[in-house]
Amino acid sequence: MIDAAFLAAMPDGATLINTARGIIVDQDRARCGLVTGRLSAILDVTEPEVLSADHPLYDLPTSWLTPHVAGALGSEISRMGRLVLDEVQRILARRPLEHTEQ
């Protein structure tokens, strides 16, 4: 969705914010705009998620990476904590996990 044409149409100094899915942004094309300083980005999600420790997006002054927390503010954090505890109890009881990555 956020491809080379979309990024080229963004005005100089614009900030790209992605809290949806990493795959919707062409990160290589976005990185070009970030390297030149024409664009900034706040990325709550990346492709892949999580980026390798040496990925160039970590070092760009125009790029801010957050640990996929955009949807986890306020009461959401309590729900997520309960979910984690439930999964740990399943592990300890040697039962299958309810939430696994497919």
PDB file of N, CA and C in Angstrom:
ATOM      1  N   MET A   1       0.818  -1.187   0.000  1.00  0.00           N
ATOM      2  CA  MET A   1       0.000   0.000   0.000  1.00  0.00           C
ATOM      3  C   MET A   1       0.864   1.254   0.000  1.00  0.00           C
ATOM      4  N   ILE A   2       1.883   1.292   0.856  1.00  0.00           N
ATOM      5  CA  ILE A   2       2.763   2.459   0.921  1.00  0.00           C
ATOM      6  C   ILE A   2       3.988   2.109   0.074  1.00  0.00           C
ATOM      7  N   ASP A   3       3.846   2.365  -1.228  1.00  0.00           N
ATOM      8  CA  ASP A   3       4.882   1.991  -2.177  1.00  0.00           C
ATOM      9  C   ASP A   3       5.691   3.216  -2.608  1.00  0.00           C
ATOM     10  N   ALA A   4       6.538   3.032  -3.612  1.00  0.00           N
ATOM     11  CA  ALA A   4       7.406   4.109  -4.086  1.00  0.00           C
ATOM     12  C   ALA A   4       6.605   5.332  -4.516  1.00  0.00           C
ATOM     13  N   ALA A   5       5.502   5.138  -5.231  1.00  0.00           N
ATOM     14  CA  ALA A   5       4.689   6.267  -5.703  1.00  0.00           C
ATOM     15  C   ALA A   5       4.075   7.028  -4.533  1.00  0.00           C
ATOM     16  N   PHE A   6       3.564   6.314  -3.550  1.00  0.00           N
ATOM     17  CA  PHE A   6       2.976   6.958  -2.377  1.00  0.00           C
ATOM     18  C   PHE A   6       4.030   7.767  -1.637  1.00  0.00           C
ATOM     19  N   LEU A   7       5.190   7.148  -1.412  1.00  0.00           N
ATOM     20  CA  LEU A   7       6.264   7.831  -0.686  1.00  0.00           C
ATOM     21  C   LEU A   7       6.754   9.054  -1.451  1.00  0.00           C
ATOM     22  N   ALA A   8       6.853   8.963  -2.772  1.00  0.00           N
ATOM     23  CA  ALA A   8       7.288  10.108  -3.585  1.00  0.00           C
ATOM     24  C   ALA A   8       6.284  11.249  -3.513  1.00  0.00           C
ATOM     25  N   ALA A   9       5.019  10.929  -3.332  1.00  0.00           N
ATOM     26  CA  ALA A   9       3.973  11.952  -3.273  1.00  0.00           C
ATOM     27  C   ALA A   9       3.908  12.646  -1.914  1.00  0.00           C
ATOM     28  N   MET A  10       4.562  12.079  -0.918  1.00  0.00           N
ATOM     29  CA  MET A  10       4.568  12.714   0.402  1.00  0.00           C
ATOM     30  C   MET A  10       5.406  13.985   0.342  1.00  0.00           C
ATOM     31  N   PRO A  11       4.941  15.053   0.969  1.00  0.00           N
ATOM     32  CA  PRO A  11       5.714  16.305   0.926  1.00  0.00           C
ATOM     33  C   PRO A  11       7.009  16.201   1.729  1.00  0.00           C
ATOM     34  N   ASP A  12       7.996  16.984   1.344  1.00  0.00           N
ATOM     35  CA  ASP A  12       9.244  17.030   2.088  1.00  0.00           C
ATOM     36  C   ASP A  12       8.943  17.367   3.545  1.00  0.00           C
ATOM     37  N   GLY A  13       9.604  16.675   4.456  1.00  0.00           N
ATOM     38  CA  GLY A  13       9.414  16.912   5.879  1.00  0.00           C
ATOM     39  C   GLY A  13       8.270  16.132   6.490  1.00  0.00           C
ATOM     40  N   ALA A  14       7.545  15.349   5.682  1.00  0.00           N
ATOM     41  CA  ALA A  14       6.413  14.561   6.190  1.00  0.00           C
ATOM     42  C   ALA A  14       6.922  13.426   7.078  1.00  0.00           C
ATOM     43  N   THR A  15       6.050  12.958   7.959  1.00  0.00           N
ATOM     44  CA  THR A  15       6.361  11.829   8.827  1.00  0.00           C
ATOM     45  C   THR A  15       5.400  10.689   8.524  1.00  0.00           C
ATOM     46  N   LEU A  16       5.956   9.556   8.193  1.00  0.00           N
ATOM     47  CA  LEU A  16       5.180   8.339   7.962  1.00  0.00           C
ATOM     48  C   LEU A  16       5.020   7.625   9.301  1.00  0.00           C
ATOM     49  N   ILE A  17       3.785   7.312   9.666  1.00  0.00           N
ATOM     50  CA  ILE A  17       3.507   6.593  10.906  1.00  0.00           C
ATOM     51  C   ILE A  17       2.806   5.295  10.546  1.00  0.00           C
ATOM     52  N   ASN A  18       3.380   4.178  10.973  1.00  0.00           N
ATOM     53  CA  ASN A  18       2.758   2.886  10.708  1.00  0.00           C
ATOM     54  C   ASN A  18       2.510   2.168  12.023  1.00  0.00           C
ATOM     55  N   THR A  19       1.226   2.002  12.350  1.00  0.00           N
ATOM     56  CA  THR A  19       0.825   1.222  13.518  1.00  0.00           C
ATOM     57  C   THR A  19      -0.016   0.018  13.101  1.00  0.00           C
ATOM     58  N   ALA A  20      -0.103  -0.227  11.790  1.00  0.00           N
ATOM     59  CA  ALA A  20      -0.962  -1.289  11.266  1.00  0.00           C
ATOM     60  C   ALA A  20      -0.191  -2.603  11.160  1.00  0.00           C
ATOM     61  N   ARG A  21       0.439  -2.832  10.044  1.00  0.00           N
ATOM     62  CA  ARG A  21       1.240  -4.018   9.772  1.00  0.00           C
ATOM     63  C   ARG A  21       2.484  -3.595   9.015  1.00  0.00           C
ATOM     64  N   GLY A  22       3.608  -4.199   9.335  1.00  0.00           N
ATOM     65  CA  GLY A  22       4.863  -3.841   8.687  1.00  0.00           C
ATOM     66  C   GLY A  22       4.847  -4.054   7.191  1.00  0.00           C
ATOM     67  N   ILE A  23       4.166  -5.076   6.746  1.00  0.00           N
ATOM     68  CA  ILE A  23       4.161  -5.455   5.331  1.00  0.00           C
ATOM     69  C   ILE A  23       3.541  -4.397   4.424  1.00  0.00           C
ATOM     70  N   ILE A  24       2.736  -3.481   4.971  1.00  0.00           N
ATOM     71  CA  ILE A  24       2.077  -2.503   4.102  1.00  0.00           C
ATOM     72  C   ILE A  24       3.012  -1.387   3.649  1.00  0.00           C
ATOM     73  N   VAL A  25       4.200  -1.283   4.246  1.00  0.00           N
ATOM     74  CA  VAL A  25       5.161  -0.242   3.864  1.00  0.00           C
ATOM     75  C   VAL A  25       6.341  -0.882   3.151  1.00  0.00           C
ATOM     76  N   ASP A  26       6.688  -0.350   1.992  1.00  0.00           N
ATOM     77  CA  ASP A  26       7.902  -0.764   1.293  1.00  0.00           C
ATOM     78  C   ASP A  26       9.073  -0.134   2.051  1.00  0.00           C
ATOM     79  N   GLN A  27       9.627  -0.870   3.008  1.00  0.00           N
ATOM     80  CA  GLN A  27      10.652  -0.324   3.891  1.00  0.00           C
ATOM     81  C   GLN A  27      11.911   0.096   3.155  1.00  0.00           C
ATOM     82  N   ASP A  28      12.280  -0.617   2.096  1.00  0.00           N
ATOM     83  CA  ASP A  28      13.481  -0.232   1.351  1.00  0.00           C
ATOM     84  C   ASP A  28      13.295   1.136   0.708  1.00  0.00           C
ATOM     85  N   ARG A  29      12.128   1.382   0.104  1.00  0.00           N
ATOM     86  CA  ARG A  29      11.837   2.686  -0.503  1.00  0.00           C
ATOM     87  C   ARG A  29      11.722   3.765   0.574  1.00  0.00           C
ATOM     88  N   ALA A  30      11.089   3.437   1.672  1.00  0.00           N
ATOM     89  CA  ALA A  30      10.952   4.413   2.758  1.00  0.00           C
ATOM     90  C   ALA A  30      12.325   4.779   3.308  1.00  0.00           C
ATOM     91  N   ARG A  31      13.194   3.792   3.424  1.00  0.00           N
ATOM     92  CA  ARG A  31      14.532   4.054   3.948  1.00  0.00           C
ATOM     93  C   ARG A  31      15.276   5.068   3.092  1.00  0.00           C
ATOM     94  N   CYS A  32      15.058   5.048   1.774  1.00  0.00           N
ATOM     95  CA  CYS A  32      15.699   6.029   0.894  1.00  0.00           C
ATOM     96  C   CYS A  32      15.324   7.454   1.312  1.00  0.00           C
ATOM     97  N   GLY A  33      14.050   7.690   1.568  1.00  0.00           N
ATOM     98  CA  GLY A  33      13.601   9.013   2.005  1.00  0.00           C
ATOM     99  C   GLY A  33      14.097   9.363   3.392  1.00  0.00           C
ATOM    100  N   LEU A  34      14.271   8.357   4.231  1.00  0.00           N
ATOM    101  CA  LEU A  34      14.754   8.585   5.590  1.00  0.00           C
ATOM    102  C   LEU A  34      16.245   8.910   5.599  1.00  0.00           C
ATOM    103  N   VAL A  35      16.998   8.238   4.740  1.00  0.00           N
ATOM    104  CA  VAL A  35      18.443   8.467   4.667  1.00  0.00           C
ATOM    105  C   VAL A  35      18.737   9.890   4.204  1.00  0.00           C
ATOM    106  N   THR A  36      17.975  10.369   3.233  1.00  0.00           N
ATOM    107  CA  THR A  36      18.212  11.727   2.717  1.00  0.00           C
ATOM    108  C   THR A  36      17.668  12.794   3.656  1.00  0.00           C
ATOM    109  N   GLY A  37      16.824  12.404   4.612  1.00  0.00           N
ATOM    110  CA  GLY A  37      16.225  13.367   5.521  1.00  0.00           C
ATOM    111  C   GLY A  37      14.960  14.000   4.970  1.00  0.00           C
ATOM    112  N   ARG A  38      14.533  13.581   3.785  1.00  0.00           N
ATOM    113  CA  ARG A  38      13.313  14.138   3.191  1.00  0.00           C
ATOM    114  C   ARG A  38      12.081  13.730   3.988  1.00  0.00           C
ATOM    115  N   LEU A  39      12.110  12.520   4.549  1.00  0.00           N
ATOM    116  CA  LEU A  39      10.987  11.995   5.329  1.00  0.00           C
ATOM    117  C   LEU A  39      11.469  11.559   6.704  1.00  0.00           C
ATOM    118  N   SER A  40      10.535  11.469   7.623  1.00  0.00           N
ATOM    119  CA  SER A  40      10.754  10.850   8.929  1.00  0.00           C
ATOM    120  C   SER A  40       9.761   9.703   9.046  1.00  0.00           C
ATOM    121  N   ALA A  41      10.034   8.800   9.959  1.00  0.00           N
ATOM    122  CA  ALA A  41       9.108   7.680  10.156  1.00  0.00           C
ATOM    123  C   ALA A  41       9.052   7.286  11.613  1.00  0.00           C
ATOM    124  N   ILE A  42       7.844   6.968  12.053  1.00  0.00           N
ATOM    125  CA  ILE A  42       7.610   6.348  13.346  1.00  0.00           C
ATOM    126  C   ILE A  42       6.965   5.004  13.037  1.00  0.00           C
ATOM    127  N   LEU A  43       7.690   3.945  13.320  1.00  0.00           N
ATOM    128  CA  LEU A  43       7.241   2.607  12.939  1.00  0.00           C
ATOM    129  C   LEU A  43       7.009   1.763  14.188  1.00  0.00           C
ATOM    130  N   ASP A  44       5.762   1.469  14.438  1.00  0.00           N
ATOM    131  CA  ASP A  44       5.391   0.606  15.554  1.00  0.00           C
ATOM    132  C   ASP A  44       5.438  -0.858  15.124  1.00  0.00           C
ATOM    133  N   VAL A  45       5.454  -1.077  13.825  1.00  0.00           N
ATOM    134  CA  VAL A  45       5.530  -2.413  13.242  1.00  0.00           C
ATOM    135  C   VAL A  45       6.497  -2.386  12.077  1.00  0.00           C
ATOM    136  N   THR A  46       7.158  -3.490  11.829  1.00  0.00           N
ATOM    137  CA  THR A  46       8.112  -3.608  10.734  1.00  0.00           C
ATOM    138  C   THR A  46       7.933  -4.961  10.067  1.00  0.00           C
ATOM    139  N   GLU A  47       8.616  -5.130   8.964  1.00  0.00           N
ATOM    140  CA  GLU A  47       8.625  -6.420   8.275  1.00  0.00           C
ATOM    141  C   GLU A  47      10.070  -6.796   8.016  1.00  0.00           C
ATOM    142  N   PRO A  48      10.617  -7.815   8.646  1.00  0.00           N
ATOM    143  CA  PRO A  48       9.934  -8.661   9.622  1.00  0.00           C
ATOM    144  C   PRO A  48       9.829  -7.937  10.960  1.00  0.00           C
ATOM    145  N   GLU A  49       9.028  -8.502  11.803  1.00  0.00           N
ATOM    146  CA  GLU A  49       8.922  -7.995  13.164  1.00  0.00           C
ATOM    147  C   GLU A  49       9.503  -9.082  14.056  1.00  0.00           C
ATOM    148  N   VAL A  50      10.575  -8.915  14.539  1.00  0.00           N
ATOM    149  CA  VAL A  50      11.450  -7.820  14.900  1.00  0.00           C
ATOM    150  C   VAL A  50      12.593  -7.755  13.876  1.00  0.00           C
ATOM    151  N   LEU A  51      13.088  -6.528  13.618  1.00  0.00           N
ATOM    152  CA  LEU A  51      14.218  -6.363  12.719  1.00  0.00           C
ATOM    153  C   LEU A  51      15.489  -6.911  13.356  1.00  0.00           C
ATOM    154  N   SER A  52      16.444  -7.310  12.511  1.00  0.00           N
ATOM    155  CA  SER A  52      17.735  -7.764  13.033  1.00  0.00           C
ATOM    156  C   SER A  52      18.407  -6.609  13.768  1.00  0.00           C
ATOM    157  N   ALA A  53      19.255  -6.929  14.712  1.00  0.00           N
ATOM    158  CA  ALA A  53      19.897  -5.911  15.549  1.00  0.00           C
ATOM    159  C   ALA A  53      20.730  -4.930  14.743  1.00  0.00           C
ATOM    160  N   ASP A  54      21.215  -5.340  13.572  1.00  0.00           N
ATOM    161  CA  ASP A  54      22.051  -4.451  12.759  1.00  0.00           C
ATOM    162  C   ASP A  54      21.278  -3.759  11.629  1.00  0.00           C
ATOM    163  N   HIS A  55      19.958  -3.804  11.670  1.00  0.00           N
ATOM    164  CA  HIS A  55      19.158  -3.185  10.613  1.00  0.00           C
ATOM    165  C   HIS A  55      19.387  -1.676  10.601  1.00  0.00           C
ATOM    166  N   PRO A  56      19.560  -1.082   9.405  1.00  0.00           N
ATOM    167  CA  PRO A  56      19.868   0.350   9.302  1.00  0.00           C
ATOM    168  C   PRO A  56      18.799   1.285   9.871  1.00  0.00           C
ATOM    169  N   LEU A  57      17.552   0.844   9.964  1.00  0.00           N
ATOM    170  CA  LEU A  57      16.513   1.731  10.501  1.00  0.00           C
ATOM    171  C   LEU A  57      16.792   2.123  11.949  1.00  0.00           C
ATOM    172  N   TYR A  58      17.504   1.281  12.690  1.00  0.00           N
ATOM    173  CA  TYR A  58      17.812   1.600  14.086  1.00  0.00           C
ATOM    174  C   TYR A  58      18.731   2.817  14.221  1.00  0.00           C
ATOM    175  N   ASP A  59      19.565   3.044  13.230  1.00  0.00           N
ATOM    176  CA  ASP A  59      20.591   4.082  13.337  1.00  0.00           C
ATOM    177  C   ASP A  59      20.248   5.392  12.657  1.00  0.00           C
ATOM    178  N   LEU A  60      19.137   5.460  11.951  1.00  0.00           N
ATOM    179  CA  LEU A  60      18.783   6.690  11.249  1.00  0.00           C
ATOM    180  C   LEU A  60      18.164   7.704  12.209  1.00  0.00           C
ATOM    181  N   PRO A  61      18.639   8.943  12.204  1.00  0.00           N
ATOM    182  CA  PRO A  61      18.063   9.958  13.093  1.00  0.00           C
ATOM    183  C   PRO A  61      16.639  10.355  12.702  1.00  0.00           C
ATOM    184  N   THR A  62      16.195   9.927  11.526  1.00  0.00           N
ATOM    185  CA  THR A  62      14.845  10.244  11.043  1.00  0.00           C
ATOM    186  C   THR A  62      13.871   9.092  11.251  1.00  0.00           C
ATOM    187  N   SER A  63      14.317   8.048  11.939  1.00  0.00           N
ATOM    188  CA  SER A  63      13.511   6.842  12.119  1.00  0.00           C
ATOM    189  C   SER A  63      13.377   6.518  13.606  1.00  0.00           C
ATOM    190  N   TRP A  64      12.146   6.348  14.055  1.00  0.00           N
ATOM    191  CA  TRP A  64      11.876   5.948  15.433  1.00  0.00           C
ATOM    192  C   TRP A  64      11.119   4.631  15.385  1.00  0.00           C
ATOM    193  N   LEU A  65      11.630   3.651  16.110  1.00  0.00           N
ATOM    194  CA  LEU A  65      11.015   2.328  16.160  1.00  0.00           C
ATOM    195  C   LEU A  65      10.464   2.093  17.555  1.00  0.00           C
ATOM    196  N   THR A  66       9.223   1.644  17.618  1.00  0.00           N
ATOM    197  CA  THR A  66       8.616   1.313  18.897  1.00  0.00           C
ATOM    198  C   THR A  66       8.266  -0.177  18.886  1.00  0.00           C
ATOM    199  N   PRO A  67       8.156  -0.791  20.044  1.00  0.00           N
ATOM    200  CA  PRO A  67       7.970  -2.248  20.120  1.00  0.00           C
ATOM    201  C   PRO A  67       6.511  -2.700  19.996  1.00  0.00           C
ATOM    202  N   HIS A  68       5.842  -2.289  18.938  1.00  0.00           N
ATOM    203  CA  HIS A  68       4.473  -2.697  18.645  1.00  0.00           C
ATOM    204  C   HIS A  68       3.550  -2.523  19.860  1.00  0.00           C
ATOM    205  N   VAL A  69       3.482  -1.281  20.324  1.00  0.00           N
ATOM    206  CA  VAL A  69       2.677  -0.972  21.497  1.00  0.00           C
ATOM    207  C   VAL A  69       1.511  -0.031  21.199  1.00  0.00           C
ATOM    208  N   ALA A  70       1.318   0.342  19.956  1.00  0.00           N
ATOM    209  CA  ALA A  70       0.287   1.343  19.635  1.00  0.00           C
ATOM    210  C   ALA A  70      -1.095   0.915  20.104  1.00  0.00           C
ATOM    211  N   GLY A  71      -1.396  -0.357  20.036  1.00  0.00           N
ATOM    212  CA  GLY A  71      -2.711  -0.821  20.463  1.00  0.00           C
ATOM    213  C   GLY A  71      -2.733  -1.314  21.892  1.00  0.00           C
ATOM    214  N   ALA A  72      -1.659  -1.082  22.623  1.00  0.00           N
ATOM    215  CA  ALA A  72      -1.558  -1.642  23.963  1.00  0.00           C
ATOM    216  C   ALA A  72      -1.347  -0.556  25.011  1.00  0.00           C
ATOM    217  N   LEU A  73      -2.239   0.385  25.057  1.00  0.00           N
ATOM    218  CA  LEU A  73      -2.152   1.445  26.050  1.00  0.00           C
ATOM    219  C   LEU A  73      -3.364   1.388  26.959  1.00  0.00           C
ATOM    220  N   GLY A  74      -3.233   1.878  28.156  1.00  0.00           N
ATOM    221  CA  GLY A  74      -4.372   1.903  29.068  1.00  0.00           C
ATOM    222  C   GLY A  74      -4.764   0.519  29.532  1.00  0.00           C
ATOM    223  N   SER A  75      -6.057   0.213  29.489  1.00  0.00           N
ATOM    224  CA  SER A  75      -6.570  -1.061  30.004  1.00  0.00           C
ATOM    225  C   SER A  75      -6.099  -2.256  29.181  1.00  0.00           C
ATOM    226  N   GLU A  76      -5.636  -2.014  27.981  1.00  0.00           N
ATOM    227  CA  GLU A  76      -5.159  -3.109  27.131  1.00  0.00           C
ATOM    228  C   GLU A  76      -3.978  -3.836  27.782  1.00  0.00           C
ATOM    229  N   ILE A  77      -3.155  -3.116  28.495  1.00  0.00           N
ATOM    230  CA  ILE A  77      -1.982  -3.722  29.114  1.00  0.00           C
ATOM    231  C   ILE A  77      -2.400  -4.742  30.174  1.00  0.00           C
ATOM    232  N   SER A  78      -3.432  -4.446  30.945  1.00  0.00           N
ATOM    233  CA  SER A  78      -3.915  -5.410  31.945  1.00  0.00           C
ATOM    234  C   SER A  78      -4.411  -6.678  31.272  1.00  0.00           C
ATOM    235  N   ARG A  79      -5.164  -6.538  30.172  1.00  0.00           N
ATOM    236  CA  ARG A  79      -5.680  -7.704  29.447  1.00  0.00           C
ATOM    237  C   ARG A  79      -4.531  -8.544  28.913  1.00  0.00           C
ATOM    238  N   MET A  80      -3.510  -7.886  28.371  1.00  0.00           N
ATOM    239  CA  MET A  80      -2.374  -8.616  27.825  1.00  0.00           C
ATOM    240  C   MET A  80      -1.612  -9.340  28.933  1.00  0.00           C
ATOM    241  N   GLY A  81      -1.492  -8.717  30.104  1.00  0.00           N
ATOM    242  CA  GLY A  81      -0.837  -9.367  31.231  1.00  0.00           C
ATOM    243  C   GLY A  81      -1.560 -10.628  31.653  1.00  0.00           C
ATOM    244  N   ARG A  82      -2.893 -10.558  31.700  1.00  0.00           N
ATOM    245  CA  ARG A  82      -3.691 -11.752  32.050  1.00  0.00           C
ATOM    246  C   ARG A  82      -3.494 -12.842  31.003  1.00  0.00           C
ATOM    247  N   LEU A  83      -3.449 -12.453  29.733  1.00  0.00           N
ATOM    248  CA  LEU A  83      -3.258 -13.422  28.658  1.00  0.00           C
ATOM    249  C   LEU A  83      -1.922 -14.143  28.826  1.00  0.00           C
ATOM    250  N   VAL A  84      -0.867 -13.388  29.129  1.00  0.00           N
ATOM    251  CA  VAL A  84       0.455 -13.995  29.323  1.00  0.00           C
ATOM    252  C   VAL A  84       0.428 -14.959  30.500  1.00  0.00           C
ATOM    253  N   LEU A  85      -0.170 -14.542  31.607  1.00  0.00           N
ATOM    254  CA  LEU A  85      -0.250 -15.430  32.773  1.00  0.00           C
ATOM    255  C   LEU A  85      -1.017 -16.707  32.458  1.00  0.00           C
ATOM    256  N   ASP A  86      -2.097 -16.585  31.706  1.00  0.00           N
ATOM    257  CA  ASP A  86      -2.868 -17.775  31.315  1.00  0.00           C
ATOM    258  C   ASP A  86      -2.006 -18.725  30.483  1.00  0.00           C
ATOM    259  N   GLU A  87      -1.217 -18.164  29.571  1.00  0.00           N
ATOM    260  CA  GLU A  87      -0.362 -19.003  28.725  1.00  0.00           C
ATOM    261  C   GLU A  87       0.730 -19.680  29.565  1.00  0.00           C
ATOM    262  N   VAL A  88       1.307 -18.962  30.511  1.00  0.00           N
ATOM    263  CA  VAL A  88       2.320 -19.557  31.390  1.00  0.00           C
ATOM    264  C   VAL A  88       1.713 -20.707  32.188  1.00  0.00           C
ATOM    265  N   GLN A  89       0.499 -20.529  32.677  1.00  0.00           N
ATOM    266  CA  GLN A  89      -0.170 -21.613  33.413  1.00  0.00           C
ATOM    267  C   GLN A  89      -0.392 -22.824  32.511  1.00  0.00           C
ATOM    268  N   ARG A  90      -0.697 -22.577  31.231  1.00  0.00           N
ATOM    269  CA  ARG A  90      -0.857 -23.700  30.292  1.00  0.00           C
ATOM    270  C   ARG A  90       0.469 -24.451  30.128  1.00  0.00           C
ATOM    271  N   ILE A  91       1.556 -23.694  30.004  1.00  0.00           N
ATOM    272  CA  ILE A  91       2.873 -24.326  29.862  1.00  0.00           C
ATOM    273  C   ILE A  91       3.177 -25.184  31.091  1.00  0.00           C
ATOM    274  N   LEU A  92       2.967 -24.622  32.276  1.00  0.00           N
ATOM    275  CA  LEU A  92       3.263 -25.354  33.516  1.00  0.00           C
ATOM    276  C   LEU A  92       2.392 -26.591  33.668  1.00  0.00           C
ATOM    277  N   ALA A  93       1.176 -26.534  33.144  1.00  0.00           N
ATOM    278  CA  ALA A  93       0.261 -27.680  33.217  1.00  0.00           C
ATOM    279  C   ALA A  93       0.448 -28.623  32.024  1.00  0.00           C
ATOM    280  N   ARG A  94       1.427 -28.319  31.172  1.00  0.00           N
ATOM    281  CA  ARG A  94       1.715 -29.120  29.969  1.00  0.00           C
ATOM    282  C   ARG A  94       0.504 -29.240  29.051  1.00  0.00           C
ATOM    283  N   ARG A  95      -0.246 -28.129  28.972  1.00  0.00           N
ATOM    284  CA  ARG A  95      -1.391 -28.057  28.044  1.00  0.00           C
ATOM    285  C   ARG A  95      -0.976 -27.223  26.831  1.00  0.00           C
ATOM    286  N   PRO A  96      -1.646 -27.406  25.713  1.00  0.00           N
ATOM    287  CA  PRO A  96      -1.324 -26.613  24.522  1.00  0.00           C
ATOM    288  C   PRO A  96      -1.601 -25.121  24.751  1.00  0.00           C
ATOM    289  N   LEU A  97      -0.776 -24.301  24.140  1.00  0.00           N
ATOM    290  CA  LEU A  97      -0.993 -22.860  24.206  1.00  0.00           C
ATOM    291  C   LEU A  97      -2.255 -22.482  23.442  1.00  0.00           C
ATOM    292  N   GLU A  98      -2.929 -21.479  23.932  1.00  0.00           N
ATOM    293  CA  GLU A  98      -4.127 -20.998  23.255  1.00  0.00           C
ATOM    294  C   GLU A  98      -3.773 -20.027  22.133  1.00  0.00           C
ATOM    295  N   HIS A  99      -2.715 -19.243  22.326  1.00  0.00           N
ATOM    296  CA  HIS A  99      -2.322 -18.221  21.355  1.00  0.00           C
ATOM    297  C   HIS A  99      -0.935 -18.525  20.849  1.00  0.00           C
ATOM    298  N   THR A 100      -0.861 -18.971  19.611  1.00  0.00           N
ATOM    299  CA  THR A 100       0.440 -19.249  18.995  1.00  0.00           C
ATOM    300  C   THR A 100       0.491 -18.578  17.645  1.00  0.00           C
ATOM    301  N   GLU A 101       1.701 -18.247  17.224  1.00  0.00           N
ATOM    302  CA  GLU A 101       1.883 -17.651  15.891  1.00  0.00           C
ATOM    303  C   GLU A 101       1.762 -18.751  14.860  1.00  0.00           C
ATOM    304  N   GLN A 102       0.947 -18.510  13.859  1.00  0.00           N
ATOM    305  CA  GLN A 102       0.712 -19.516  12.827  1.00  0.00           C
ATOM    306  C   GLN A 102       1.735 -19.431  11.734  1.00  0.00           C
TER     307      GLN A 102
END
